[in-house]
């Protein structure tokens, strides 16, 4: 019996030791995981802080640019992509893009009413991109102040309330082009096709002919086809347009530019930034405005963490 009891005691002792070892290992793993989570949290907080510093870098660049010149073109320092910039335990990369080189979809509606000239421009852009013409009308209905659908295929509250889940039209300007995902017809493919050529800015804005694309240029200049727009952009890339008169003088016969539709300067810019700190990454965008700031610090219209 004593031998048997001794064997049982040995087995129990081994079991207790094994259990204690497992518990200790679990505690060590838990502590290691917790410590790593704390480390990643700290790194993520640091990455967010660096993103904010990056936005301030973009604001400083744009402020300096405005003090030097009122003409904005792609040969200026703000247009150069920021090379990887070392920060503590990581790096920051970023770029600044002129948003007035794109077509402002909020131009479609002025004072709650359809702007016929801007609607014609947007329809030309859609045609150039081989996109349905009806998109112009569903977008107008989303922005305009009334609840009457455009007769050419618009969509107002009745359409959106029939969806699951239901919602109402905004009846106000877009804050960001990401809002297009809510509008009838603007599926992921359409948005990807449009994205390089459009923006959503507060109020009416002119297109900067020094930074825009041939597609947008041919859309906003009456009588200018895509081929001639491409030639103008090629000329501009060699020598930027000094003022709107310089641009108009280079237009081919029959092309007409409304003075309010074009400019050689810009007030709205998008700063896109990416930060890596240790094992944490953070990306963000900020819409910056120099409007009304003189030579001062640009305002942040909105900021997003991606």
C-alpha atoms as a PDB file:
ATOM      1  CA  UNK A   1       0.000   0.000   0.000  1.00  0.00           C
ATOM      2  CA  UNK A   2       2.798   2.382   0.880  1.00  0.00           C
ATOM      3  CA  UNK A   3       4.374   1.828  -2.541  1.00  0.00           C
ATOM      4  CA  UNK A   4       1.065   2.539  -4.204  1.00  0.00           C
ATOM      5  CA  UNK A   5       0.462   5.673  -2.136  1.00  0.00           C
ATOM      6  CA  UNK A   6       4.002   6.845  -2.883  1.00  0.00           C
ATOM      7  CA  UNK A   7       3.333   6.416  -6.624  1.00  0.00           C
ATOM      8  CA  UNK A   8       0.096   8.357  -6.411  1.00  0.00           C
ATOM      9  CA  UNK A   9       1.860  11.141  -4.532  1.00  0.00           C
ATOM     10  CA  UNK A  10       4.566  11.308  -7.187  1.00  0.00           C
ATOM     11  CA  UNK A  11       1.972  11.497  -9.961  1.00  0.00           C
ATOM     12  CA  UNK A  12       0.092  14.251  -8.090  1.00  0.00           C
ATOM     13  CA  UNK A  13       3.311  16.168  -7.544  1.00  0.00           C
ATOM     14  CA  UNK A  14       4.198  15.945 -11.228  1.00  0.00           C
ATOM     15  CA  UNK A  15       0.677  17.099 -12.125  1.00  0.00           C
ATOM     16  CA  UNK A  16       0.924  20.058  -9.766  1.00  0.00           C
ATOM     17  CA  UNK A  17       4.300  21.035 -11.200  1.00  0.00           C
ATOM     18  CA  UNK A  18       2.988  20.711 -14.752  1.00  0.00           C
ATOM     19  CA  UNK A  19      -0.075  22.784 -13.906  1.00  0.00           C
ATOM     20  CA  UNK A  20       2.069  25.451 -12.258  1.00  0.00           C
ATOM     21  CA  UNK A  21       4.338  25.503 -15.308  1.00  0.00           C
ATOM     22  CA  UNK A  22       1.352  25.956 -17.629  1.00  0.00           C
ATOM     23  CA  UNK A  23      -0.068  28.746 -15.467  1.00  0.00           C
ATOM     24  CA  UNK A  24       3.295  30.490 -15.369  1.00  0.00           C
ATOM     25  CA  UNK A  25       3.671  30.173 -19.127  1.00  0.00           C
ATOM     26  CA  UNK A  26       0.164  31.551 -19.646  1.00  0.00           C
ATOM     27  CA  UNK A  27       0.924  34.496 -17.369  1.00  0.00           C
ATOM     28  CA  UNK A  28       4.161  35.199 -19.235  1.00  0.00           C
ATOM     29  CA  UNK A  29       2.378  35.037 -22.610  1.00  0.00           C
ATOM     30  CA  UNK A  30      -0.398  37.297 -21.306  1.00  0.00           C
ATOM     31  CA  UNK A  31       2.096  39.796 -19.929  1.00  0.00           C
ATOM     32  CA  UNK A  32       4.061  39.708 -23.192  1.00  0.00           C
ATOM     33  CA  UNK A  33       0.883  40.267 -25.238  1.00  0.00           C
ATOM     34  CA  UNK A  34      -0.247  43.058 -22.916  1.00  0.00           C
ATOM     35  CA  UNK A  35       3.163  44.703 -23.094  1.00  0.00           C
ATOM     36  CA  UNK A  36       3.131  44.466 -26.909  1.00  0.00           C
ATOM     37  CA  UNK A  37      -0.363  45.942 -27.028  1.00  0.00           C
ATOM     38  CA  UNK A  38       0.786  48.832 -24.865  1.00  0.00           C
ATOM     39  CA  UNK A  39       3.785  49.292 -27.132  1.00  0.00           C
ATOM     40  CA  UNK A  40       1.621  49.294 -30.259  1.00  0.00           C
ATOM     41  CA  UNK A  41      -0.853  51.698 -28.633  1.00  0.00           C
ATOM     42  CA  UNK A  42       1.960  54.083 -27.767  1.00  0.00           C
ATOM     43  CA  UNK A  43       3.366  53.779 -31.287  1.00  0.00           C
ATOM     44  CA  UNK A  44      -0.051  54.428 -32.810  1.00  0.00           C
ATOM     45  CA  UNK A  45      -0.528  57.530 -30.652  1.00  0.00           C
ATOM     46  CA  UNK A  46       2.911  58.697 -31.749  1.00  0.00           C
ATOM     47  CA  UNK A  47       2.044  57.995 -35.390  1.00  0.00           C
ATOM     48  CA  UNK A  48      -1.125  60.108 -35.085  1.00  0.00           C
ATOM     49  CA  UNK A  49       0.933  62.938 -33.611  1.00  0.00           C
ATOM     50  CA  UNK A  50       3.385  62.726 -36.513  1.00  0.00           C
ATOM     51  CA  UNK A  51       0.441  62.898 -38.953  1.00  0.00           C
ATOM     52  CA  UNK A  52      -0.636  66.161 -37.368  1.00  0.00           C
ATOM     53  CA  UNK A  53       2.921  67.459 -37.651  1.00  0.00           C
ATOM     54  CA  UNK A  54       2.909  66.408 -41.306  1.00  0.00           C
ATOM     55  CA  UNK A  55      -0.247  68.441 -41.924  1.00  0.00           C
ATOM     56  CA  UNK A  56       1.476  71.445 -40.358  1.00  0.00           C
ATOM     57  CA  UNK A  57       4.427  70.853 -42.704  1.00  0.00           C
ATOM     58  CA  UNK A  58       2.013  71.048 -45.661  1.00  0.00           C
ATOM     59  CA  UNK A  59       0.470  74.235 -44.280  1.00  0.00           C
ATOM     60  CA  UNK A  60       3.892  75.821 -43.887  1.00  0.00           C
ATOM     61  CA  UNK A  61       4.844  74.933 -47.481  1.00  0.00           C
ATOM     62  CA  UNK A  62       1.606  76.428 -48.829  1.00  0.00           C
ATOM     63  CA  UNK A  63       1.966  79.544 -46.704  1.00  0.00           C
ATOM     64  CA  UNK A  64       5.498  80.129 -48.010  1.00  0.00           C
ATOM     65  CA  UNK A  65       4.298  79.524 -51.565  1.00  0.00           C
ATOM     66  CA  UNK A  66       1.577  82.176 -51.294  1.00  0.00           C
ATOM     67  CA  UNK A  67       4.062  84.736 -50.007  1.00  0.00           C
ATOM     68  CA  UNK A  68       6.293  84.123 -53.021  1.00  0.00           C
ATOM     69  CA  UNK A  69       3.697  84.073 -55.804  1.00  0.00           C
ATOM     70  CA  UNK A  70       0.001  84.128 -56.608  1.00  0.00           C
ATOM     71  CA  UNK A  71       0.491  81.758 -59.540  1.00  0.00           C
ATOM     72  CA  UNK A  72       0.345  78.027 -58.759  1.00  0.00           C
ATOM     73  CA  UNK A  73       1.827  75.432 -61.102  1.00  0.00           C
ATOM     74  CA  UNK A  74       3.281  71.923 -60.963  1.00  0.00           C
ATOM     75  CA  UNK A  75       6.886  73.106 -60.923  1.00  0.00           C
ATOM     76  CA  UNK A  76       6.573  74.609 -57.437  1.00  0.00           C
ATOM     77  CA  UNK A  77       7.895  72.976 -54.233  1.00  0.00           C
ATOM     78  CA  UNK A  78       4.406  72.125 -52.912  1.00  0.00           C
ATOM     79  CA  UNK A  79       3.820  69.871 -55.948  1.00  0.00           C
ATOM     80  CA  UNK A  80       6.889  67.727 -55.252  1.00  0.00           C
ATOM     81  CA  UNK A  81       6.204  64.488 -53.391  1.00  0.00           C
ATOM     82  CA  UNK A  82       7.768  64.512 -49.932  1.00  0.00           C
ATOM     83  CA  UNK A  83      10.581  61.895 -49.868  1.00  0.00           C
ATOM     84  CA  UNK A  84      10.569  59.508 -46.871  1.00  0.00           C
ATOM     85  CA  UNK A  85      11.374  61.711 -43.896  1.00  0.00           C
ATOM     86  CA  UNK A  86      12.937  59.945 -40.894  1.00  0.00           C
ATOM     87  CA  UNK A  87      11.201  60.391 -37.553  1.00  0.00           C
ATOM     88  CA  UNK A  88      11.900  58.679 -34.257  1.00  0.00           C
ATOM     89  CA  UNK A  89      11.616  54.911 -34.825  1.00  0.00           C
ATOM     90  CA  UNK A  90       9.978  55.391 -38.227  1.00  0.00           C
ATOM     91  CA  UNK A  91       9.322  57.579 -41.254  1.00  0.00           C
ATOM     92  CA  UNK A  92       6.810  59.996 -42.749  1.00  0.00           C
ATOM     93  CA  UNK A  93       5.873  60.278 -46.439  1.00  0.00           C
ATOM     94  CA  UNK A  94       3.386  62.642 -47.997  1.00  0.00           C
ATOM     95  CA  UNK A  95       2.231  64.733 -50.920  1.00  0.00           C
ATOM     96  CA  UNK A  96       0.198  67.872 -51.609  1.00  0.00           C
ATOM     97  CA  UNK A  97      -2.299  67.976 -54.480  1.00  0.00           C
ATOM     98  CA  UNK A  98      -4.033  71.031 -55.897  1.00  0.00           C
ATOM     99  CA  UNK A  99      -7.763  70.415 -55.616  1.00  0.00           C
ATOM    100  CA  UNK A 100      -8.581  73.197 -58.048  1.00  0.00           C
ATOM    101  CA  UNK A 101      -6.960  71.172 -60.777  1.00  0.00           C
ATOM    102  CA  UNK A 102     -10.115  69.024 -60.570  1.00  0.00           C
ATOM    103  CA  UNK A 103     -13.759  69.749 -61.378  1.00  0.00           C
ATOM    104  CA  UNK A 104     -15.608  70.871 -58.247  1.00  0.00           C
ATOM    105  CA  UNK A 105     -18.893  68.938 -58.246  1.00  0.00           C
ATOM    106  CA  UNK A 106     -20.435  71.533 -55.924  1.00  0.00           C
ATOM    107  CA  UNK A 107     -20.252  73.986 -58.852  1.00  0.00           C
ATOM    108  CA  UNK A 108     -23.280  72.142 -60.260  1.00  0.00           C
ATOM    109  CA  UNK A 109     -25.619  73.983 -57.914  1.00  0.00           C
ATOM    110  CA  UNK A 110     -25.517  77.700 -57.072  1.00  0.00           C
ATOM    111  CA  UNK A 111     -27.812  79.090 -54.396  1.00  0.00           C
ATOM    112  CA  UNK A 112     -29.738  75.821 -54.316  1.00  0.00           C
ATOM    113  CA  UNK A 113     -30.459  75.963 -58.070  1.00  0.00           C
ATOM    114  CA  UNK A 114     -28.872  74.114 -60.989  1.00  0.00           C
ATOM    115  CA  UNK A 115     -26.012  75.975 -62.665  1.00  0.00           C
ATOM    116  CA  UNK A 116     -26.730  75.175 -66.319  1.00  0.00           C
ATOM    117  CA  UNK A 117     -23.231  76.052 -67.579  1.00  0.00           C
ATOM    118  CA  UNK A 118     -21.522  73.892 -64.953  1.00  0.00           C
ATOM    119  CA  UNK A 119     -23.958  71.054 -65.612  1.00  0.00           C
ATOM    120  CA  UNK A 120     -22.943  71.160 -69.287  1.00  0.00           C
ATOM    121  CA  UNK A 121     -19.274  71.031 -68.261  1.00  0.00           C
ATOM    122  CA  UNK A 122     -19.819  68.012 -66.026  1.00  0.00           C
ATOM    123  CA  UNK A 123     -21.790  66.195 -68.711  1.00  0.00           C
ATOM    124  CA  UNK A 124     -18.881  66.728 -71.117  1.00  0.00           C
ATOM    125  CA  UNK A 125     -16.509  65.287 -68.534  1.00  0.00           C
ATOM    126  CA  UNK A 126     -18.745  62.231 -68.126  1.00  0.00           C
ATOM    127  CA  UNK A 127     -18.842  61.756 -71.897  1.00  0.00           C
ATOM    128  CA  UNK A 128     -15.053  62.018 -72.144  1.00  0.00           C
ATOM    129  CA  UNK A 129     -14.734  59.342 -69.441  1.00  0.00           C
ATOM    130  CA  UNK A 130     -17.389  57.136 -71.143  1.00  0.00           C
ATOM    131  CA  UNK A 131     -19.692  57.361 -68.124  1.00  0.00           C
ATOM    132  CA  UNK A 132     -23.521  57.603 -68.175  1.00  0.00           C
ATOM    133  CA  UNK A 133     -24.992  61.053 -68.662  1.00  0.00           C
ATOM    134  CA  UNK A 134     -27.657  60.315 -66.021  1.00  0.00           C
ATOM    135  CA  UNK A 135     -24.994  60.603 -63.301  1.00  0.00           C
ATOM    136  CA  UNK A 136     -25.024  64.378 -63.722  1.00  0.00           C
ATOM    137  CA  UNK A 137     -28.715  64.514 -62.851  1.00  0.00           C
ATOM    138  CA  UNK A 138     -28.655  62.197 -59.834  1.00  0.00           C
ATOM    139  CA  UNK A 139     -25.756  64.276 -58.487  1.00  0.00           C
ATOM    140  CA  UNK A 140     -27.638  67.541 -59.049  1.00  0.00           C
ATOM    141  CA  UNK A 141     -30.674  66.145 -57.201  1.00  0.00           C
ATOM    142  CA  UNK A 142     -28.470  65.147 -54.279  1.00  0.00           C
ATOM    143  CA  UNK A 143     -27.125  68.701 -53.939  1.00  0.00           C
ATOM    144  CA  UNK A 144     -29.983  71.011 -54.976  1.00  0.00           C
ATOM    145  CA  UNK A 145     -32.461  72.392 -52.457  1.00  0.00           C
ATOM    146  CA  UNK A 146     -35.702  71.087 -53.979  1.00  0.00           C
ATOM    147  CA  UNK A 147     -37.320  67.655 -53.879  1.00  0.00           C
ATOM    148  CA  UNK A 148     -38.245  67.437 -57.564  1.00  0.00           C
ATOM    149  CA  UNK A 149     -36.276  64.798 -59.536  1.00  0.00           C
ATOM    150  CA  UNK A 150     -34.497  65.983 -62.654  1.00  0.00           C
ATOM    151  CA  UNK A 151     -36.566  64.853 -65.682  1.00  0.00           C
ATOM    152  CA  UNK A 152     -33.494  63.303 -67.341  1.00  0.00           C
ATOM    153  CA  UNK A 153     -33.157  60.552 -64.742  1.00  0.00           C
ATOM    154  CA  UNK A 154     -32.626  62.209 -61.390  1.00  0.00           C
ATOM    155  CA  UNK A 155     -33.324  60.757 -57.951  1.00  0.00           C
ATOM    156  CA  UNK A 156     -34.812  62.488 -54.916  1.00  0.00           C
ATOM    157  CA  UNK A 157     -36.117  61.360 -51.525  1.00  0.00           C
ATOM    158  CA  UNK A 158     -38.705  58.910 -52.896  1.00  0.00           C
ATOM    159  CA  UNK A 159     -35.955  56.852 -54.541  1.00  0.00           C
ATOM    160  CA  UNK A 160     -33.677  56.720 -51.500  1.00  0.00           C
ATOM    161  CA  UNK A 161     -36.500  56.046 -49.026  1.00  0.00           C
ATOM    162  CA  UNK A 162     -37.309  52.870 -50.967  1.00  0.00           C
ATOM    163  CA  UNK A 163     -33.798  51.503 -50.322  1.00  0.00           C
ATOM    164  CA  UNK A 164     -32.794  49.224 -47.467  1.00  0.00           C
ATOM    165  CA  UNK A 165     -31.808  50.983 -45.285  1.00  0.00           C
ATOM    166  CA  UNK A 166     -33.727  54.089 -46.351  1.00  0.00           C
ATOM    167  CA  UNK A 167     -32.271  57.596 -46.183  1.00  0.00           C
ATOM    168  CA  UNK A 168     -32.869  61.105 -47.529  1.00  0.00           C
ATOM    169  CA  UNK A 169     -31.000  63.211 -50.059  1.00  0.00           C
ATOM    170  CA  UNK A 170     -28.534  65.675 -48.562  1.00  0.00           C
ATOM    171  CA  UNK A 171     -29.938  68.755 -50.355  1.00  0.00           C
ATOM    172  CA  UNK A 172     -26.639  70.508 -49.717  1.00  0.00           C
ATOM    173  CA  UNK A 173     -23.103  70.550 -51.166  1.00  0.00           C
ATOM    174  CA  UNK A 174     -20.866  67.535 -50.736  1.00  0.00           C
ATOM    175  CA  UNK A 175     -18.208  67.759 -48.029  1.00  0.00           C
ATOM    176  CA  UNK A 176     -16.030  65.079 -49.614  1.00  0.00           C
ATOM    177  CA  UNK A 177     -16.246  63.028 -52.811  1.00  0.00           C
ATOM    178  CA  UNK A 178     -16.520  59.870 -50.673  1.00  0.00           C
ATOM    179  CA  UNK A 179     -20.152  60.933 -50.220  1.00  0.00           C
ATOM    180  CA  UNK A 180     -20.776  59.929 -53.847  1.00  0.00           C
ATOM    181  CA  UNK A 181     -21.126  56.338 -52.614  1.00  0.00           C
ATOM    182  CA  UNK A 182     -24.597  57.302 -51.321  1.00  0.00           C
ATOM    183  CA  UNK A 183     -25.835  58.626 -54.678  1.00  0.00           C
ATOM    184  CA  UNK A 184     -27.708  56.563 -57.243  1.00  0.00           C
ATOM    185  CA  UNK A 185     -25.471  55.281 -60.049  1.00  0.00           C
ATOM    186  CA  UNK A 186     -22.165  56.072 -58.360  1.00  0.00           C
ATOM    187  CA  UNK A 187     -20.970  52.532 -57.754  1.00  0.00           C
ATOM    188  CA  UNK A 188     -17.362  51.650 -56.919  1.00  0.00           C
ATOM    189  CA  UNK A 189     -16.333  51.433 -60.577  1.00  0.00           C
ATOM    190  CA  UNK A 190     -17.822  54.817 -61.440  1.00  0.00           C
ATOM    191  CA  UNK A 191     -16.215  56.463 -58.414  1.00  0.00           C
ATOM    192  CA  UNK A 192     -12.808  55.003 -59.252  1.00  0.00           C
ATOM    193  CA  UNK A 193     -13.104  56.289 -62.829  1.00  0.00           C
ATOM    194  CA  UNK A 194     -14.130  59.774 -61.718  1.00  0.00           C
ATOM    195  CA  UNK A 195     -11.847  60.152 -58.716  1.00  0.00           C
ATOM    196  CA  UNK A 196      -8.773  61.637 -60.507  1.00  0.00           C
ATOM    197  CA  UNK A 197     -10.882  64.343 -62.139  1.00  0.00           C
ATOM    198  CA  UNK A 198     -13.295  65.627 -59.485  1.00  0.00           C
ATOM    199  CA  UNK A 199     -13.291  67.184 -56.041  1.00  0.00           C
ATOM    200  CA  UNK A 200     -15.803  68.615 -53.555  1.00  0.00           C
ATOM    201  CA  UNK A 201     -14.921  72.095 -52.326  1.00  0.00           C
ATOM    202  CA  UNK A 202     -16.891  74.708 -50.378  1.00  0.00           C
ATOM    203  CA  UNK A 203     -18.545  77.203 -52.714  1.00  0.00           C
ATOM    204  CA  UNK A 204     -17.841  77.870 -56.371  1.00  0.00           C
ATOM    205  CA  UNK A 205     -14.235  77.412 -57.534  1.00  0.00           C
ATOM    206  CA  UNK A 206     -12.467  78.006 -60.827  1.00  0.00           C
ATOM    207  CA  UNK A 207     -10.263  75.346 -62.438  1.00  0.00           C
ATOM    208  CA  UNK A 208      -6.533  76.064 -62.274  1.00  0.00           C
ATOM    209  CA  UNK A 209      -5.368  75.641 -65.870  1.00  0.00           C
ATOM    210  CA  UNK A 210      -1.780  75.189 -64.651  1.00  0.00           C
ATOM    211  CA  UNK A 211      -2.561  72.016 -62.712  1.00  0.00           C
ATOM    212  CA  UNK A 212      -5.619  70.449 -64.310  1.00  0.00           C
ATOM    213  CA  UNK A 213      -5.839  67.417 -66.608  1.00  0.00           C
ATOM    214  CA  UNK A 214      -6.697  67.459 -70.329  1.00  0.00           C
ATOM    215  CA  UNK A 215     -10.009  65.751 -69.524  1.00  0.00           C
ATOM    216  CA  UNK A 216     -11.135  68.499 -67.154  1.00  0.00           C
ATOM    217  CA  UNK A 217      -9.741  71.231 -69.387  1.00  0.00           C
ATOM    218  CA  UNK A 218     -11.733  70.040 -72.406  1.00  0.00           C
ATOM    219  CA  UNK A 219     -14.840  69.806 -70.187  1.00  0.00           C
ATOM    220  CA  UNK A 220     -14.756  73.392 -68.878  1.00  0.00           C
ATOM    221  CA  UNK A 221     -13.615  75.142 -72.090  1.00  0.00           C
ATOM    222  CA  UNK A 222     -16.382  75.371 -74.670  1.00  0.00           C
ATOM    223  CA  UNK A 223     -15.248  74.193 -78.098  1.00  0.00           C
ATOM    224  CA  UNK A 224     -12.026  72.556 -76.855  1.00  0.00           C
ATOM    225  CA  UNK A 225     -11.681  68.891 -77.770  1.00  0.00           C
ATOM    226  CA  UNK A 226      -9.525  66.423 -75.852  1.00  0.00           C
ATOM    227  CA  UNK A 227      -6.735  66.405 -78.443  1.00  0.00           C
ATOM    228  CA  UNK A 228      -6.262  70.176 -78.280  1.00  0.00           C
ATOM    229  CA  UNK A 229      -6.505  70.055 -74.489  1.00  0.00           C
ATOM    230  CA  UNK A 230      -3.679  67.518 -74.437  1.00  0.00           C
ATOM    231  CA  UNK A 231      -1.557  69.846 -76.595  1.00  0.00           C
ATOM    232  CA  UNK A 232      -2.216  72.762 -74.227  1.00  0.00           C
ATOM    233  CA  UNK A 233      -1.177  70.651 -71.243  1.00  0.00           C
ATOM    234  CA  UNK A 234       2.019  69.628 -73.046  1.00  0.00           C
ATOM    235  CA  UNK A 235       2.802  73.320 -73.697  1.00  0.00           C
ATOM    236  CA  UNK A 236       2.016  74.182 -70.085  1.00  0.00           C
ATOM    237  CA  UNK A 237       4.337  71.499 -68.758  1.00  0.00           C
ATOM    238  CA  UNK A 238       7.167  73.235 -70.593  1.00  0.00           C
ATOM    239  CA  UNK A 239       6.105  76.788 -69.685  1.00  0.00           C
ATOM    240  CA  UNK A 240       3.280  77.379 -67.236  1.00  0.00           C
ATOM    241  CA  UNK A 241       0.557  79.941 -67.930  1.00  0.00           C
ATOM    242  CA  UNK A 242       1.482  83.287 -66.361  1.00  0.00           C
ATOM    243  CA  UNK A 243      -2.118  84.494 -66.189  1.00  0.00           C
ATOM    244  CA  UNK A 244      -5.502  83.740 -67.718  1.00  0.00           C
ATOM    245  CA  UNK A 245      -4.817  86.017 -70.685  1.00  0.00           C
ATOM    246  CA  UNK A 246      -1.716  83.956 -71.450  1.00  0.00           C
ATOM    247  CA  UNK A 247      -3.875  80.827 -71.401  1.00  0.00           C
ATOM    248  CA  UNK A 248      -6.665  82.279 -73.527  1.00  0.00           C
ATOM    249  CA  UNK A 249      -4.144  83.486 -76.129  1.00  0.00           C
ATOM    250  CA  UNK A 250      -3.045  79.869 -76.674  1.00  0.00           C
ATOM    251  CA  UNK A 251      -6.549  78.485 -77.196  1.00  0.00           C
ATOM    252  CA  UNK A 252      -7.341  77.159 -80.672  1.00  0.00           C
ATOM    253  CA  UNK A 253      -9.841  79.003 -82.859  1.00  0.00           C
ATOM    254  CA  UNK A 254     -13.414  78.413 -81.713  1.00  0.00           C
ATOM    255  CA  UNK A 255     -12.561  77.584 -78.095  1.00  0.00           C
ATOM    256  CA  UNK A 256     -14.055  79.932 -75.490  1.00  0.00           C
ATOM    257  CA  UNK A 257     -13.255  80.145 -71.782  1.00  0.00           C
ATOM    258  CA  UNK A 258     -15.532  81.953 -69.334  1.00  0.00           C
ATOM    259  CA  UNK A 259     -13.482  84.158 -67.020  1.00  0.00           C
ATOM    260  CA  UNK A 260     -15.096  82.709 -63.893  1.00  0.00           C
ATOM    261  CA  UNK A 261     -14.329  79.126 -64.937  1.00  0.00           C
ATOM    262  CA  UNK A 262     -10.535  79.333 -65.082  1.00  0.00           C
ATOM    263  CA  UNK A 263      -7.662  80.592 -62.967  1.00  0.00           C
ATOM    264  CA  UNK A 264      -3.897  80.256 -62.612  1.00  0.00           C
ATOM    265  CA  UNK A 265      -3.952  80.172 -58.811  1.00  0.00           C
ATOM    266  CA  UNK A 266      -5.487  77.908 -56.190  1.00  0.00           C
ATOM    267  CA  UNK A 267      -6.774  78.131 -52.642  1.00  0.00           C
ATOM    268  CA  UNK A 268      -7.614  74.482 -51.879  1.00  0.00           C
ATOM    269  CA  UNK A 269      -5.088  71.672 -51.493  1.00  0.00           C
ATOM    270  CA  UNK A 270      -5.200  68.085 -50.231  1.00  0.00           C
ATOM    271  CA  UNK A 271      -2.365  66.825 -48.029  1.00  0.00           C
ATOM    272  CA  UNK A 272      -2.058  63.008 -47.997  1.00  0.00           C
ATOM    273  CA  UNK A 273       0.283  61.561 -45.370  1.00  0.00           C
ATOM    274  CA  UNK A 274       1.470  58.143 -44.244  1.00  0.00           C
ATOM    275  CA  UNK A 275       3.465  57.365 -41.092  1.00  0.00           C
ATOM    276  CA  UNK A 276       5.211  54.202 -39.893  1.00  0.00           C
ATOM    277  CA  UNK A 277       6.330  54.109 -36.257  1.00  0.00           C
ATOM    278  CA  UNK A 278       7.767  50.756 -35.212  1.00  0.00           C
ATOM    279  CA  UNK A 279       5.003  48.244 -35.876  1.00  0.00           C
ATOM    280  CA  UNK A 280       2.247  50.849 -36.149  1.00  0.00           C
ATOM    281  CA  UNK A 281       1.053  52.600 -39.288  1.00  0.00           C
ATOM    282  CA  UNK A 282      -1.255  55.577 -39.726  1.00  0.00           C
ATOM    283  CA  UNK A 283      -2.552  57.365 -42.804  1.00  0.00           C
ATOM    284  CA  UNK A 284      -4.491  60.570 -43.086  1.00  0.00           C
ATOM    285  CA  UNK A 285      -5.710  63.320 -45.380  1.00  0.00           C
ATOM    286  CA  UNK A 286      -6.434  66.973 -44.750  1.00  0.00           C
ATOM    287  CA  UNK A 287      -8.177  69.502 -46.973  1.00  0.00           C
ATOM    288  CA  UNK A 288      -6.389  72.825 -46.601  1.00  0.00           C
ATOM    289  CA  UNK A 289      -7.636  76.269 -47.607  1.00  0.00           C
ATOM    290  CA  UNK A 290      -5.690  79.488 -48.137  1.00  0.00           C
ATOM    291  CA  UNK A 291      -8.899  81.386 -48.899  1.00  0.00           C
ATOM    292  CA  UNK A 292      -9.163  84.545 -46.853  1.00  0.00           C
ATOM    293  CA  UNK A 293      -5.905  83.939 -44.995  1.00  0.00           C
ATOM    294  CA  UNK A 294      -3.742  86.350 -47.022  1.00  0.00           C
ATOM    295  CA  UNK A 295      -0.184  85.155 -46.525  1.00  0.00           C
ATOM    296  CA  UNK A 296      -1.157  83.480 -43.264  1.00  0.00           C
ATOM    297  CA  UNK A 297      -1.459  79.884 -42.168  1.00  0.00           C
ATOM    298  CA  UNK A 298      -3.888  77.770 -44.281  1.00  0.00           C
ATOM    299  CA  UNK A 299      -7.024  76.574 -42.529  1.00  0.00           C
ATOM    300  CA  UNK A 300      -7.918  72.893 -42.160  1.00  0.00           C
ATOM    301  CA  UNK A 301     -11.374  72.358 -43.704  1.00  0.00           C
ATOM    302  CA  UNK A 302     -11.480  68.719 -42.653  1.00  0.00           C
ATOM    303  CA  UNK A 303      -9.095  66.000 -41.526  1.00  0.00           C
ATOM    304  CA  UNK A 304      -9.483  62.226 -41.917  1.00  0.00           C
ATOM    305  CA  UNK A 305      -7.578  59.276 -40.481  1.00  0.00           C
ATOM    306  CA  UNK A 306      -7.663  56.301 -42.825  1.00  0.00           C
END
